[in-house]
Each structure stands twice: as C-alpha cells, then as structure tokens.
C-alpha cells in the first residue's frame, strides 16, 4: 500500500472521530478511543445488540476507514445516491467539501466492518 500523505491520514482520522462521536453510537459500544495522534485515530468497538452475545470487538483505524470508503464507492453497494455522492466528493478532496457528516461516517464504518448497512 502506498504511503498516505498527512492530509489523507487526517481525512481518514476525521471520519473515525465523526463516527465515534456521533455516527455509530446507536449501535455500538466503545471500549478504547485514542485520538492523541490526530493522524492515526483508533477505536475499538463492539456491536450493542442484545441478540449477539459475545459479539466480536472491531478495531477502527485509517485502514478500516479507507476500506469502507472503497466499498461504499462500488456501484453494487446499497446506499442512497446522495450519501454515496457526498462520500465520493469528499474522498476526492480529502474532506475539503465538508460533506461527510455522522450519517456518512456511520455508513463508511458499517461498510468496512460488515460489507453492508446493517443498522439504520
């Protein structure tokens, strides 16, 4: 994998922060959240689903967010056209458009972890 620029790392980390602080809280528990290095924000989360005893813990980091973006941008991924467009536009500019909100961050994380939208 090619080295990411600091601007790209910041963009991916910002999505993690948006997801943890507003996007995925309705379906997950956060065990660890480390944002001391703003270019490599990491979180460990678990699904908050009473039907899933012993649900696995997931590590969310820049690589996971990049994987989620890639999945959302594939035409076969089921998501609203508007959310896909916002993610596509911000992905091209590393967030300069400011379109990735908590809903988009939630979609990106779910795409990365589950390969589809499971919640919401």
PDB file of N, CA and C in Angstrom:
ATOM      1  N   UNK A   1       0.849  -1.171   0.000  1.00  0.00           N
ATOM      2  CA  UNK A   1       0.000   0.000   0.000  1.00  0.00           C
ATOM      3  C   UNK A   1       0.901   1.241   0.000  1.00  0.00           C
ATOM      4  N   UNK A   2       0.596   2.195  -0.867  1.00  0.00           N
ATOM      5  CA  UNK A   2       1.424   3.414  -0.899  1.00  0.00           C
ATOM      6  C   UNK A   2       1.277   4.215   0.391  1.00  0.00           C
ATOM      7  N   UNK A   3       2.329   4.939   0.693  1.00  0.00           N
ATOM      8  CA  UNK A   3       2.319   5.794   1.888  1.00  0.00           C
ATOM      9  C   UNK A   3       1.256   6.881   1.723  1.00  0.00           C
ATOM     10  N   UNK A   4       0.502   7.112   2.777  1.00  0.00           N
ATOM     11  CA  UNK A   4      -0.528   8.158   2.756  1.00  0.00           C
ATOM     12  C   UNK A   4       0.083   9.490   3.177  1.00  0.00           C
ATOM     13  N   UNK A   5      -0.398  10.544   2.548  1.00  0.00           N
ATOM     14  CA  UNK A   5       0.029  11.882   2.948  1.00  0.00           C
ATOM     15  C   UNK A   5      -0.591  12.210   4.300  1.00  0.00           C
ATOM     16  N   UNK A   6      -0.016  13.190   4.990  1.00  0.00           N
ATOM     17  CA  UNK A   6      -0.602  13.632   6.259  1.00  0.00           C
ATOM     18  C   UNK A   6      -2.021  14.141   6.054  1.00  0.00           C
ATOM     19  N   UNK A   7      -2.276  14.790   4.929  1.00  0.00           N
ATOM     20  CA  UNK A   7      -3.617  15.288   4.632  1.00  0.00           C
ATOM     21  C   UNK A   7      -4.606  14.117   4.528  1.00  0.00           C
ATOM     22  N   UNK A   8      -4.186  13.030   3.879  1.00  0.00           N
ATOM     23  CA  UNK A   8      -5.054  11.859   3.745  1.00  0.00           C
ATOM     24  C   UNK A   8      -5.276  11.192   5.102  1.00  0.00           C
ATOM     25  N   UNK A   9      -4.220  11.062   5.879  1.00  0.00           N
ATOM     26  CA  UNK A   9      -4.349  10.474   7.220  1.00  0.00           C
ATOM     27  C   UNK A   9      -5.312  11.290   8.077  1.00  0.00           C
ATOM     28  N   UNK A  10      -5.210  12.604   8.001  1.00  0.00           N
ATOM     29  CA  UNK A  10      -6.102  13.477   8.761  1.00  0.00           C
ATOM     30  C   UNK A  10      -7.546  13.272   8.330  1.00  0.00           C
ATOM     31  N   UNK A  11      -7.780  13.181   7.028  1.00  0.00           N
ATOM     32  CA  UNK A  11      -9.126  12.959   6.493  1.00  0.00           C
ATOM     33  C   UNK A  11      -9.707  11.652   7.028  1.00  0.00           C
ATOM     34  N   UNK A  12      -8.952  10.576   6.956  1.00  0.00           N
ATOM     35  CA  UNK A  12      -9.433   9.274   7.435  1.00  0.00           C
ATOM     36  C   UNK A  12      -9.670   9.302   8.940  1.00  0.00           C
ATOM     37  N   UNK A  13      -8.773   9.921   9.680  1.00  0.00           N
ATOM     38  CA  UNK A  13      -8.944  10.034  11.137  1.00  0.00           C
ATOM     39  C   UNK A  13     -10.152  10.881  11.500  1.00  0.00           C
ATOM     40  N   UNK A  14     -10.392  11.934  10.748  1.00  0.00           N
ATOM     41  CA  UNK A  14     -11.570  12.772  11.000  1.00  0.00           C
ATOM     42  C   UNK A  14     -12.857  11.964  10.850  1.00  0.00           C
ATOM     43  N   UNK A  15     -12.886  11.049   9.893  1.00  0.00           N
ATOM     44  CA  UNK A  15     -14.066  10.195   9.722  1.00  0.00           C
ATOM     45  C   UNK A  15     -14.236   9.283  10.929  1.00  0.00           C
ATOM     46  N   UNK A  16     -13.139   8.739  11.447  1.00  0.00           N
ATOM     47  CA  UNK A  16     -13.224   7.906  12.652  1.00  0.00           C
ATOM     48  C   UNK A  16     -13.800   8.714  13.805  1.00  0.00           C
ATOM     49  N   UNK A  17     -13.297   9.920  14.004  1.00  0.00           N
ATOM     50  CA  UNK A  17     -13.795  10.779  15.084  1.00  0.00           C
ATOM     51  C   UNK A  17     -15.283  11.056  14.900  1.00  0.00           C
ATOM     52  N   UNK A  18     -15.687  11.376  13.695  1.00  0.00           N
ATOM     53  CA  UNK A  18     -17.098  11.662  13.422  1.00  0.00           C
ATOM     54  C   UNK A  18     -17.959  10.432  13.697  1.00  0.00           C
ATOM     55  N   UNK A  19     -17.469   9.275  13.312  1.00  0.00           N
ATOM     56  CA  UNK A  19     -18.218   8.038  13.563  1.00  0.00           C
ATOM     57  C   UNK A  19     -18.351   7.762  15.053  1.00  0.00           C
ATOM     58  N   UNK A  20     -17.267   7.863  15.786  1.00  0.00           N
ATOM     59  CA  UNK A  20     -17.287   7.532  17.216  1.00  0.00           C
ATOM     60  C   UNK A  20     -18.082   8.560  18.008  1.00  0.00           C
ATOM     61  N   UNK A  21     -17.921   9.829  17.676  1.00  0.00           N
ATOM     62  CA  UNK A  21     -18.559  10.880  18.471  1.00  0.00           C
ATOM     63  C   UNK A  21     -19.980  11.204  18.025  1.00  0.00           C
ATOM     64  N   UNK A  22     -20.469  10.559  16.974  1.00  0.00           N
ATOM     65  CA  UNK A  22     -21.828  10.873  16.566  1.00  0.00           C
ATOM     66  C   UNK A  22     -22.480   9.881  15.639  1.00  0.00           C
ATOM     67  N   UNK A  23     -21.714   9.094  14.910  1.00  0.00           N
ATOM     68  CA  UNK A  23     -22.305   8.260  13.876  1.00  0.00           C
ATOM     69  C   UNK A  23     -22.713   6.862  14.272  1.00  0.00           C
ATOM     70  N   UNK A  24     -21.898   6.171  15.056  1.00  0.00           N
ATOM     71  CA  UNK A  24     -22.156   4.750  15.309  1.00  0.00           C
ATOM     72  C   UNK A  24     -22.608   4.458  16.735  1.00  0.00           C
ATOM     73  N   UNK A  25     -22.791   5.483  17.521  1.00  0.00           N
ATOM     74  CA  UNK A  25     -23.139   5.291  18.929  1.00  0.00           C
ATOM     75  C   UNK A  25     -24.465   4.603  19.164  1.00  0.00           C
ATOM     76  N   UNK A  26     -25.353   4.630  18.202  1.00  0.00           N
ATOM     77  CA  UNK A  26     -26.657   3.998  18.396  1.00  0.00           C
ATOM     78  C   UNK A  26     -26.597   2.479  18.225  1.00  0.00           C
ATOM     79  N   UNK A  27     -25.499   1.952  17.656  1.00  0.00           N
ATOM     80  CA  UNK A  27     -25.402   0.501  17.505  1.00  0.00           C
ATOM     81  C   UNK A  27     -24.121  -0.096  18.096  1.00  0.00           C
ATOM     82  N   UNK A  28     -23.284   0.708  18.727  1.00  0.00           N
ATOM     83  CA  UNK A  28     -22.020   0.158  19.216  1.00  0.00           C
ATOM     84  C   UNK A  28     -21.634   0.692  20.594  1.00  0.00           C
ATOM     85  N   UNK A  29     -20.761  -0.061  21.252  1.00  0.00           N
ATOM     86  CA  UNK A  29     -20.090   0.345  22.480  1.00  0.00           C
ATOM     87  C   UNK A  29     -18.646   0.644  22.134  1.00  0.00           C
ATOM     88  N   UNK A  30     -18.085   1.658  22.718  1.00  0.00           N
ATOM     89  CA  UNK A  30     -16.677   1.972  22.502  1.00  0.00           C
ATOM     90  C   UNK A  30     -15.893   1.482  23.708  1.00  0.00           C
ATOM     91  N   UNK A  31     -14.918   0.623  23.464  1.00  0.00           N
ATOM     92  CA  UNK A  31     -14.055   0.106  24.524  1.00  0.00           C
ATOM     93  C   UNK A  31     -12.808   0.981  24.663  1.00  0.00           C
ATOM     94  N   UNK A  32     -12.195   1.320  23.552  1.00  0.00           N
ATOM     95  CA  UNK A  32     -10.976   2.132  23.531  1.00  0.00           C
ATOM     96  C   UNK A  32     -11.148   3.194  22.453  1.00  0.00           C
ATOM     97  N   UNK A  33     -10.733   4.402  22.777  1.00  0.00           N
ATOM     98  CA  UNK A  33     -10.800   5.502  21.816  1.00  0.00           C
ATOM     99  C   UNK A  33      -9.567   6.348  22.044  1.00  0.00           C
ATOM    100  N   UNK A  34      -8.637   6.315  21.099  1.00  0.00           N
ATOM    101  CA  UNK A  34      -7.372   7.014  21.248  1.00  0.00           C
ATOM    102  C   UNK A  34      -7.218   8.017  20.115  1.00  0.00           C
ATOM    103  N   UNK A  35      -7.303   9.277  20.461  1.00  0.00           N
ATOM    104  CA  UNK A  35      -7.090  10.308  19.445  1.00  0.00           C
ATOM    105  C   UNK A  35      -5.949  11.234  19.842  1.00  0.00           C
ATOM    106  N   UNK A  36      -4.992  10.711  20.574  1.00  0.00           N
ATOM    107  CA  UNK A  36      -3.849  11.534  20.955  1.00  0.00           C
ATOM    108  C   UNK A  36      -2.977  11.868  19.750  1.00  0.00           C
ATOM    109  N   UNK A  37      -2.972  11.002  18.745  1.00  0.00           N
ATOM    110  CA  UNK A  37      -2.269  11.288  17.496  1.00  0.00           C
ATOM    111  C   UNK A  37      -3.339  11.538  16.439  1.00  0.00           C
ATOM    112  N   UNK A  38      -3.577  12.788  16.099  1.00  0.00           N
ATOM    113  CA  UNK A  38      -4.693  13.121  15.224  1.00  0.00           C
ATOM    114  C   UNK A  38      -4.561  12.558  13.815  1.00  0.00           C
ATOM    115  N   UNK A  39      -3.395  12.024  13.451  1.00  0.00           N
ATOM    116  CA  UNK A  39      -3.232  11.422  12.132  1.00  0.00           C
ATOM    117  C   UNK A  39      -3.473   9.920  12.154  1.00  0.00           C
ATOM    118  N   UNK A  40      -3.676   9.353  13.315  1.00  0.00           N
ATOM    119  CA  UNK A  40      -3.926   7.917  13.425  1.00  0.00           C
ATOM    120  C   UNK A  40      -4.882   7.650  14.583  1.00  0.00           C
ATOM    121  N   UNK A  41      -6.099   8.118  14.448  1.00  0.00           N
ATOM    122  CA  UNK A  41      -7.125   7.908  15.476  1.00  0.00           C
ATOM    123  C   UNK A  41      -7.558   6.448  15.417  1.00  0.00           C
ATOM    124  N   UNK A  42      -7.699   5.839  16.583  1.00  0.00           N
ATOM    125  CA  UNK A  42      -8.089   4.437  16.652  1.00  0.00           C
ATOM    126  C   UNK A  42      -9.191   4.269  17.682  1.00  0.00           C
ATOM    127  N   UNK A  43     -10.068   3.313  17.404  1.00  0.00           N
ATOM    128  CA  UNK A  43     -11.127   2.976  18.352  1.00  0.00           C
ATOM    129  C   UNK A  43     -11.367   1.471  18.272  1.00  0.00           C
ATOM    130  N   UNK A  44     -11.758   0.906  19.385  1.00  0.00           N
ATOM    131  CA  UNK A  44     -12.176  -0.492  19.427  1.00  0.00           C
ATOM    132  C   UNK A  44     -13.626  -0.478  19.883  1.00  0.00           C
ATOM    133  N   UNK A  45     -14.496  -1.063  19.053  1.00  0.00           N
ATOM    134  CA  UNK A  45     -15.934  -1.022  19.316  1.00  0.00           C
ATOM    135  C   UNK A  45     -16.531  -2.420  19.212  1.00  0.00           C
ATOM    136  N   UNK A  46     -17.700  -2.544  19.815  1.00  0.00           N
ATOM    137  CA  UNK A  46     -18.458  -3.792  19.766  1.00  0.00           C
ATOM    138  C   UNK A  46     -19.913  -3.456  19.472  1.00  0.00           C
ATOM    139  N   UNK A  47     -20.569  -4.314  18.720  1.00  0.00           N
ATOM    140  CA  UNK A  47     -21.987  -4.105  18.470  1.00  0.00           C
ATOM    141  C   UNK A  47     -22.757  -4.151  19.780  1.00  0.00           C
ATOM    142  N   UNK A  48     -23.686  -3.246  19.934  1.00  0.00           N
ATOM    143  CA  UNK A  48     -24.553  -3.180  21.107  1.00  0.00           C
ATOM    144  C   UNK A  48     -25.894  -3.802  20.722  1.00  0.00           C
ATOM    145  N   UNK A  49     -25.873  -5.114  20.505  1.00  0.00           N
ATOM    146  CA  UNK A  49     -27.057  -5.831  20.045  1.00  0.00           C
ATOM    147  C   UNK A  49     -27.346  -6.949  21.029  1.00  0.00           C
ATOM    148  N   UNK A  50     -28.474  -6.883  21.744  1.00  0.00           N
ATOM    149  CA  UNK A  50     -28.762  -7.905  22.753  1.00  0.00           C
ATOM    150  C   UNK A  50     -28.901  -9.318  22.175  1.00  0.00           C
ATOM    151  N   UNK A  51     -29.117  -9.423  20.865  1.00  0.00           N
ATOM    152  CA  UNK A  51     -29.221 -10.739  20.239  1.00  0.00           C
ATOM    153  C   UNK A  51     -27.867 -11.334  19.876  1.00  0.00           C
ATOM    154  N   UNK A  52     -26.813 -10.565  20.057  1.00  0.00           N
ATOM    155  CA  UNK A  52     -25.471 -11.037  19.693  1.00  0.00           C
ATOM    156  C   UNK A  52     -24.606 -11.147  20.942  1.00  0.00           C
ATOM    157  N   UNK A  53     -24.780 -12.227  21.664  1.00  0.00           N
ATOM    158  CA  UNK A  53     -23.934 -12.477  22.835  1.00  0.00           C
ATOM    159  C   UNK A  53     -22.511 -12.717  22.346  1.00  0.00           C
ATOM    160  N   UNK A  54     -21.557 -12.209  23.077  1.00  0.00           N
ATOM    161  CA  UNK A  54     -20.144 -12.377  22.724  1.00  0.00           C
ATOM    162  C   UNK A  54     -19.813 -11.837  21.333  1.00  0.00           C
ATOM    163  N   UNK A  55     -20.401 -10.711  20.960  1.00  0.00           N
ATOM    164  CA  UNK A  55     -20.085 -10.092  19.675  1.00  0.00           C
ATOM    165  C   UNK A  55     -18.607  -9.731  19.644  1.00  0.00           C
ATOM    166  N   UNK A  56     -17.961  -9.830  18.484  1.00  0.00           N
ATOM    167  CA  UNK A  56     -16.532  -9.512  18.403  1.00  0.00           C
ATOM    168  C   UNK A  56     -16.281  -8.013  18.572  1.00  0.00           C
ATOM    169  N   UNK A  57     -15.072  -7.699  18.971  1.00  0.00           N
ATOM    170  CA  UNK A  57     -14.625  -6.311  19.038  1.00  0.00           C
ATOM    171  C   UNK A  57     -13.975  -5.968  17.710  1.00  0.00           C
ATOM    172  N   UNK A  58     -14.197  -4.756  17.225  1.00  0.00           N
ATOM    173  CA  UNK A  58     -13.639  -4.307  15.958  1.00  0.00           C
ATOM    174  C   UNK A  58     -12.687  -3.147  16.188  1.00  0.00           C
ATOM    175  N   UNK A  59     -11.553  -3.194  15.535  1.00  0.00           N
ATOM    176  CA  UNK A  59     -10.571  -2.115  15.562  1.00  0.00           C
ATOM    177  C   UNK A  59     -10.867  -1.188  14.382  1.00  0.00           C
ATOM    178  N   UNK A  60     -11.131   0.061  14.666  1.00  0.00           N
ATOM    179  CA  UNK A  60     -11.371   1.042  13.610  1.00  0.00           C
ATOM    180  C   UNK A  60     -10.146   1.948  13.544  1.00  0.00           C
ATOM    181  N   UNK A  61      -9.571   2.035  12.370  1.00  0.00           N
ATOM    182  CA  UNK A  61      -8.383   2.852  12.157  1.00  0.00           C
ATOM    183  C   UNK A  61      -8.403   3.359  10.710  1.00  0.00           C
ATOM    184  N   UNK A  62      -7.345   4.019  10.295  1.00  0.00           N
ATOM    185  CA  UNK A  62      -7.314   4.601   8.956  1.00  0.00           C
ATOM    186  C   UNK A  62      -7.506   3.557   7.860  1.00  0.00           C
ATOM    187  N   UNK A  63      -6.899   2.384   8.018  1.00  0.00           N
ATOM    188  CA  UNK A  63      -7.048   1.336   7.004  1.00  0.00           C
ATOM    189  C   UNK A  63      -8.494   0.862   6.901  1.00  0.00           C
ATOM    190  N   UNK A  64      -9.159   0.732   8.025  1.00  0.00           N
ATOM    191  CA  UNK A  64     -10.563   0.299   8.038  1.00  0.00           C
ATOM    192  C   UNK A  64     -11.439   1.355   7.364  1.00  0.00           C
ATOM    193  N   UNK A  65     -11.212   2.614   7.672  1.00  0.00           N
ATOM    194  CA  UNK A  65     -11.998   3.683   7.066  1.00  0.00           C
ATOM    195  C   UNK A  65     -11.767   3.720   5.552  1.00  0.00           C
ATOM    196  N   UNK A  66     -10.528   3.565   5.122  1.00  0.00           N
ATOM    197  CA  UNK A  66     -10.230   3.546   3.677  1.00  0.00           C
ATOM    198  C   UNK A  66     -10.946   2.375   2.998  1.00  0.00           C
ATOM    199  N   UNK A  67     -10.959   1.218   3.655  1.00  0.00           N
ATOM    200  CA  UNK A  67     -11.662   0.059   3.104  1.00  0.00           C
ATOM    201  C   UNK A  67     -13.161   0.357   2.988  1.00  0.00           C
ATOM    202  N   UNK A  68     -13.740   0.982   4.007  1.00  0.00           N
ATOM    203  CA  UNK A  68     -15.156   1.324   3.974  1.00  0.00           C
ATOM    204  C   UNK A  68     -15.485   2.285   2.848  1.00  0.00           C
ATOM    205  N   UNK A  69     -14.657   3.287   2.656  1.00  0.00           N
ATOM    206  CA  UNK A  69     -14.876   4.230   1.554  1.00  0.00           C
ATOM    207  C   UNK A  69     -14.858   3.487   0.225  1.00  0.00           C
ATOM    208  N   UNK A  70     -13.876   2.628   0.053  1.00  0.00           N
ATOM    209  CA  UNK A  70     -13.785   1.854  -1.185  1.00  0.00           C
ATOM    210  C   UNK A  70     -15.033   1.034  -1.441  1.00  0.00           C
ATOM    211  N   UNK A  71     -15.560   0.420  -0.407  1.00  0.00           N
ATOM    212  CA  UNK A  71     -16.772  -0.387  -0.570  1.00  0.00           C
ATOM    213  C   UNK A  71     -17.984   0.468  -0.911  1.00  0.00           C
ATOM    214  N   UNK A  72     -18.131   1.596  -0.224  1.00  0.00           N
ATOM    215  CA  UNK A  72     -19.276   2.476  -0.486  1.00  0.00           C
ATOM    216  C   UNK A  72     -19.246   2.977  -1.924  1.00  0.00           C
ATOM    217  N   UNK A  73     -18.071   3.201  -2.464  1.00  0.00           N
ATOM    218  CA  UNK A  73     -17.958   3.762  -3.803  1.00  0.00           C
ATOM    219  C   UNK A  73     -18.133   2.740  -4.920  1.00  0.00           C
ATOM    220  N   UNK A  74     -18.237   1.463  -4.583  1.00  0.00           N
ATOM    221  CA  UNK A  74     -18.520   0.468  -5.612  1.00  0.00           C
ATOM    222  C   UNK A  74     -20.010   0.551  -5.954  1.00  0.00           C
ATOM    223  N   UNK A  75     -20.333   0.489  -7.235  1.00  0.00           N
ATOM    224  CA  UNK A  75     -21.734   0.640  -7.649  1.00  0.00           C
ATOM    225  C   UNK A  75     -22.691  -0.381  -7.042  1.00  0.00           C
ATOM    226  N   UNK A  76     -22.212  -1.563  -6.692  1.00  0.00           N
ATOM    227  CA  UNK A  76     -23.100  -2.596  -6.154  1.00  0.00           C
ATOM    228  C   UNK A  76     -23.449  -2.390  -4.679  1.00  0.00           C
ATOM    229  N   UNK A  77     -22.745  -1.493  -3.987  1.00  0.00           N
ATOM    230  CA  UNK A  77     -23.025  -1.263  -2.579  1.00  0.00           C
ATOM    231  C   UNK A  77     -24.351  -0.522  -2.435  1.00  0.00           C
ATOM    232  N   UNK A  78     -25.236  -1.057  -1.595  1.00  0.00           N
ATOM    233  CA  UNK A  78     -26.579  -0.478  -1.440  1.00  0.00           C
ATOM    234  C   UNK A  78     -26.561   0.654  -0.419  1.00  0.00           C
ATOM    235  N   UNK A  79     -26.664   1.868  -0.947  1.00  0.00           N
ATOM    236  CA  UNK A  79     -26.698   3.077  -0.131  1.00  0.00           C
ATOM    237  C   UNK A  79     -27.366   4.165  -0.965  1.00  0.00           C
ATOM    238  N   UNK A  80     -27.896   5.181  -0.310  1.00  0.00           N
ATOM    239  CA  UNK A  80     -28.556   6.247  -1.068  1.00  0.00           C
ATOM    240  C   UNK A  80     -27.560   6.927  -2.007  1.00  0.00           C
ATOM    241  N   UNK A  81     -28.074   7.371  -3.127  1.00  0.00           N
ATOM    242  CA  UNK A  81     -27.249   8.061  -4.121  1.00  0.00           C
ATOM    243  C   UNK A  81     -26.611   9.302  -3.516  1.00  0.00           C
ATOM    244  N   UNK A  82     -27.352  10.017  -2.675  1.00  0.00           N
ATOM    245  CA  UNK A  82     -26.837  11.252  -2.087  1.00  0.00           C
ATOM    246  C   UNK A  82     -25.660  10.980  -1.153  1.00  0.00           C
ATOM    247  N   UNK A  83     -25.794   9.973  -0.281  1.00  0.00           N
ATOM    248  CA  UNK A  83     -24.692   9.652   0.631  1.00  0.00           C
ATOM    249  C   UNK A  83     -23.468   9.210  -0.157  1.00  0.00           C
ATOM    250  N   UNK A  84     -23.657   8.353  -1.165  1.00  0.00           N
ATOM    251  CA  UNK A  84     -22.515   7.921  -1.991  1.00  0.00           C
ATOM    252  C   UNK A  84     -21.842   9.127  -2.638  1.00  0.00           C
ATOM    253  N   UNK A  85     -22.635  10.076  -3.139  1.00  0.00           N
ATOM    254  CA  UNK A  85     -22.063  11.251  -3.795  1.00  0.00           C
ATOM    255  C   UNK A  85     -21.274  12.115  -2.814  1.00  0.00           C
ATOM    256  N   UNK A  86     -21.826  12.341  -1.609  1.00  0.00           N
ATOM    257  CA  UNK A  86     -21.102  13.121  -0.605  1.00  0.00           C
ATOM    258  C   UNK A  86     -19.765  12.467  -0.259  1.00  0.00           C
ATOM    259  N   UNK A  87     -19.778  11.150  -0.076  1.00  0.00           N
ATOM    260  CA  UNK A  87     -18.541  10.431   0.252  1.00  0.00           C
ATOM    261  C   UNK A  87     -17.578  10.498  -0.927  1.00  0.00           C
ATOM    262  N   UNK A  88     -18.072  10.312  -2.143  1.00  0.00           N
ATOM    263  CA  UNK A  88     -17.216  10.386  -3.330  1.00  0.00           C
ATOM    264  C   UNK A  88     -16.568  11.770  -3.439  1.00  0.00           C
ATOM    265  N   UNK A  89     -17.370  12.823  -3.276  1.00  0.00           N
ATOM    266  CA  UNK A  89     -16.840  14.183  -3.413  1.00  0.00           C
ATOM    267  C   UNK A  89     -15.786  14.479  -2.358  1.00  0.00           C
ATOM    268  N   UNK A  90     -16.059  14.140  -1.103  1.00  0.00           N
ATOM    269  CA  UNK A  90     -15.082  14.399  -0.041  1.00  0.00           C
ATOM    270  C   UNK A  90     -13.851  13.519  -0.185  1.00  0.00           C
ATOM    271  N   UNK A  91     -14.021  12.302  -0.654  1.00  0.00           N
ATOM    272  CA  UNK A  91     -12.884  11.410  -0.852  1.00  0.00           C
ATOM    273  C   UNK A  91     -11.897  11.991  -1.862  1.00  0.00           C
ATOM    274  N   UNK A  92     -12.412  12.638  -2.892  1.00  0.00           N
ATOM    275  CA  UNK A  92     -11.558  13.235  -3.923  1.00  0.00           C
ATOM    276  C   UNK A  92     -10.739  14.395  -3.376  1.00  0.00           C
ATOM    277  N   UNK A  93     -11.273  15.101  -2.374  1.00  0.00           N
ATOM    278  CA  UNK A  93     -10.615  16.317  -1.884  1.00  0.00           C
ATOM    279  C   UNK A  93     -10.089  16.187  -0.458  1.00  0.00           C
ATOM    280  N   UNK A  94     -10.075  14.959   0.072  1.00  0.00           N
ATOM    281  CA  UNK A  94      -9.658  14.732   1.463  1.00  0.00           C
ATOM    282  C   UNK A  94     -10.429  15.594   2.448  1.00  0.00           C
ATOM    283  N   UNK A  95     -11.717  15.725   2.198  1.00  0.00           N
ATOM    284  CA  UNK A  95     -12.590  16.401   3.149  1.00  0.00           C
ATOM    285  C   UNK A  95     -12.788  17.874   2.932  1.00  0.00           C
ATOM    286  N   UNK A  96     -12.191  18.445   1.906  1.00  0.00           N
ATOM    287  CA  UNK A  96     -12.334  19.888   1.689  1.00  0.00           C
ATOM    288  C   UNK A  96     -13.771  20.309   1.433  1.00  0.00           C
ATOM    289  N   UNK A  97     -14.604  19.401   0.951  1.00  0.00           N
ATOM    290  CA  UNK A  97     -16.004  19.747   0.695  1.00  0.00           C
ATOM    291  C   UNK A  97     -16.841  19.719   1.969  1.00  0.00           C
ATOM    292  N   UNK A  98     -16.368  19.048   3.000  1.00  0.00           N
ATOM    293  CA  UNK A  98     -17.060  19.015   4.275  1.00  0.00           C
ATOM    294  C   UNK A  98     -18.407  18.322   4.249  1.00  0.00           C
ATOM    295  N   UNK A  99     -18.551  17.312   3.414  1.00  0.00           N
ATOM    296  CA  UNK A  99     -19.844  16.663   3.252  1.00  0.00           C
ATOM    297  C   UNK A  99     -20.002  15.386   4.087  1.00  0.00           C
ATOM    298  N   UNK A 100     -18.941  14.880   4.674  1.00  0.00           N
ATOM    299  CA  UNK A 100     -19.064  13.647   5.453  1.00  0.00           C
ATOM    300  C   UNK A 100     -19.492  13.992   6.867  1.00  0.00           C
ATOM    301  N   UNK A 101     -20.778  13.763   7.128  1.00  0.00           N
ATOM    302  CA  UNK A 101     -21.342  14.004   8.446  1.00  0.00           C
ATOM    303  C   UNK A 101     -21.436  12.682   9.198  1.00  0.00           C
ATOM    304  N   UNK A 102     -22.132  12.678  10.328  1.00  0.00           N
ATOM    305  CA  UNK A 102     -22.202  11.453  11.139  1.00  0.00           C
ATOM    306  C   UNK A 102     -22.919  10.325  10.403  1.00  0.00           C
ATOM    307  N   UNK A 103     -23.919  10.638   9.581  1.00  0.00           N
ATOM    308  CA  UNK A 103     -24.596   9.591   8.806  1.00  0.00           C
ATOM    309  C   UNK A 103     -23.645   8.941   7.807  1.00  0.00           C
ATOM    310  N   UNK A 104     -22.876   9.753   7.108  1.00  0.00           N
ATOM    311  CA  UNK A 104     -21.901   9.218   6.151  1.00  0.00           C
ATOM    312  C   UNK A 104     -20.822   8.409   6.860  1.00  0.00           C
ATOM    313  N   UNK A 105     -20.332   8.902   7.993  1.00  0.00           N
ATOM    314  CA  UNK A 105     -19.306   8.183   8.747  1.00  0.00           C
ATOM    315  C   UNK A 105     -19.840   6.832   9.220  1.00  0.00           C
ATOM    316  N   UNK A 106     -21.091   6.795   9.640  1.00  0.00           N
ATOM    317  CA  UNK A 106     -21.728   5.543  10.042  1.00  0.00           C
ATOM    318  C   UNK A 106     -21.751   4.560   8.878  1.00  0.00           C
ATOM    319  N   UNK A 107     -22.149   5.019   7.704  1.00  0.00           N
ATOM    320  CA  UNK A 107     -22.195   4.166   6.516  1.00  0.00           C
ATOM    321  C   UNK A 107     -20.802   3.627   6.195  1.00  0.00           C
ATOM    322  N   UNK A 108     -19.790   4.478   6.260  1.00  0.00           N
ATOM    323  CA  UNK A 108     -18.418   4.061   5.959  1.00  0.00           C
ATOM    324  C   UNK A 108     -17.962   2.970   6.922  1.00  0.00           C
ATOM    325  N   UNK A 109     -18.215   3.148   8.212  1.00  0.00           N
ATOM    326  CA  UNK A 109     -17.797   2.150   9.201  1.00  0.00           C
ATOM    327  C   UNK A 109     -18.546   0.835   8.994  1.00  0.00           C
ATOM    328  N   UNK A 110     -19.853   0.912   8.802  1.00  0.00           N
ATOM    329  CA  UNK A 110     -20.611  -0.327   8.581  1.00  0.00           C
ATOM    330  C   UNK A 110     -20.154  -1.032   7.308  1.00  0.00           C
ATOM    331  N   UNK A 111     -19.877  -0.280   6.258  1.00  0.00           N
ATOM    332  CA  UNK A 111     -19.376  -0.880   5.017  1.00  0.00           C
ATOM    333  C   UNK A 111     -18.065  -1.612   5.271  1.00  0.00           C
ATOM    334  N   UNK A 112     -17.193  -0.982   6.045  1.00  0.00           N
ATOM    335  CA  UNK A 112     -15.891  -1.590   6.339  1.00  0.00           C
ATOM    336  C   UNK A 112     -16.024  -2.840   7.194  1.00  0.00           C
ATOM    337  N   UNK A 113     -16.837  -2.765   8.233  1.00  0.00           N
ATOM    338  CA  UNK A 113     -16.915  -3.869   9.192  1.00  0.00           C
ATOM    339  C   UNK A 113     -17.810  -5.006   8.734  1.00  0.00           C
ATOM    340  N   UNK A 114     -18.919  -4.687   8.079  1.00  0.00           N
ATOM    341  CA  UNK A 114     -19.935  -5.702   7.761  1.00  0.00           C
ATOM    342  C   UNK A 114     -20.122  -5.945   6.261  1.00  0.00           C
ATOM    343  N   UNK A 115     -19.596  -5.041   5.421  1.00  0.00           N
ATOM    344  CA  UNK A 115     -19.778  -5.179   3.982  1.00  0.00           C
ATOM    345  C   UNK A 115     -21.143  -4.755   3.494  1.00  0.00           C
ATOM    346  N   UNK A 116     -21.964  -4.223   4.412  1.00  0.00           N
ATOM    347  CA  UNK A 116     -23.305  -3.757   4.072  1.00  0.00           C
ATOM    348  C   UNK A 116     -23.801  -2.880   5.220  1.00  0.00           C
ATOM    349  N   UNK A 117     -24.933  -2.219   4.982  1.00  0.00           N
ATOM    350  CA  UNK A 117     -25.575  -1.437   6.036  1.00  0.00           C
ATOM    351  C   UNK A 117     -26.444  -2.393   6.847  1.00  0.00           C
ATOM    352  N   UNK A 118     -26.083  -2.585   8.093  1.00  0.00           N
ATOM    353  CA  UNK A 118     -26.798  -3.495   8.982  1.00  0.00           C
ATOM    354  C   UNK A 118     -27.757  -2.713   9.875  1.00  0.00           C
ATOM    355  N   UNK A 119     -27.324  -1.547  10.314  1.00  0.00           N
ATOM    356  CA  UNK A 119     -28.110  -0.719  11.233  1.00  0.00           C
ATOM    357  C   UNK A 119     -28.485   0.592  10.542  1.00  0.00           C
ATOM    358  N   UNK A 120     -29.681   1.090  10.848  1.00  0.00           N
ATOM    359  CA  UNK A 120     -30.082   2.399  10.360  1.00  0.00           C
ATOM    360  C   UNK A 120     -30.784   2.405   9.044  1.00  0.00           C
TER     361      UNK A 120
END
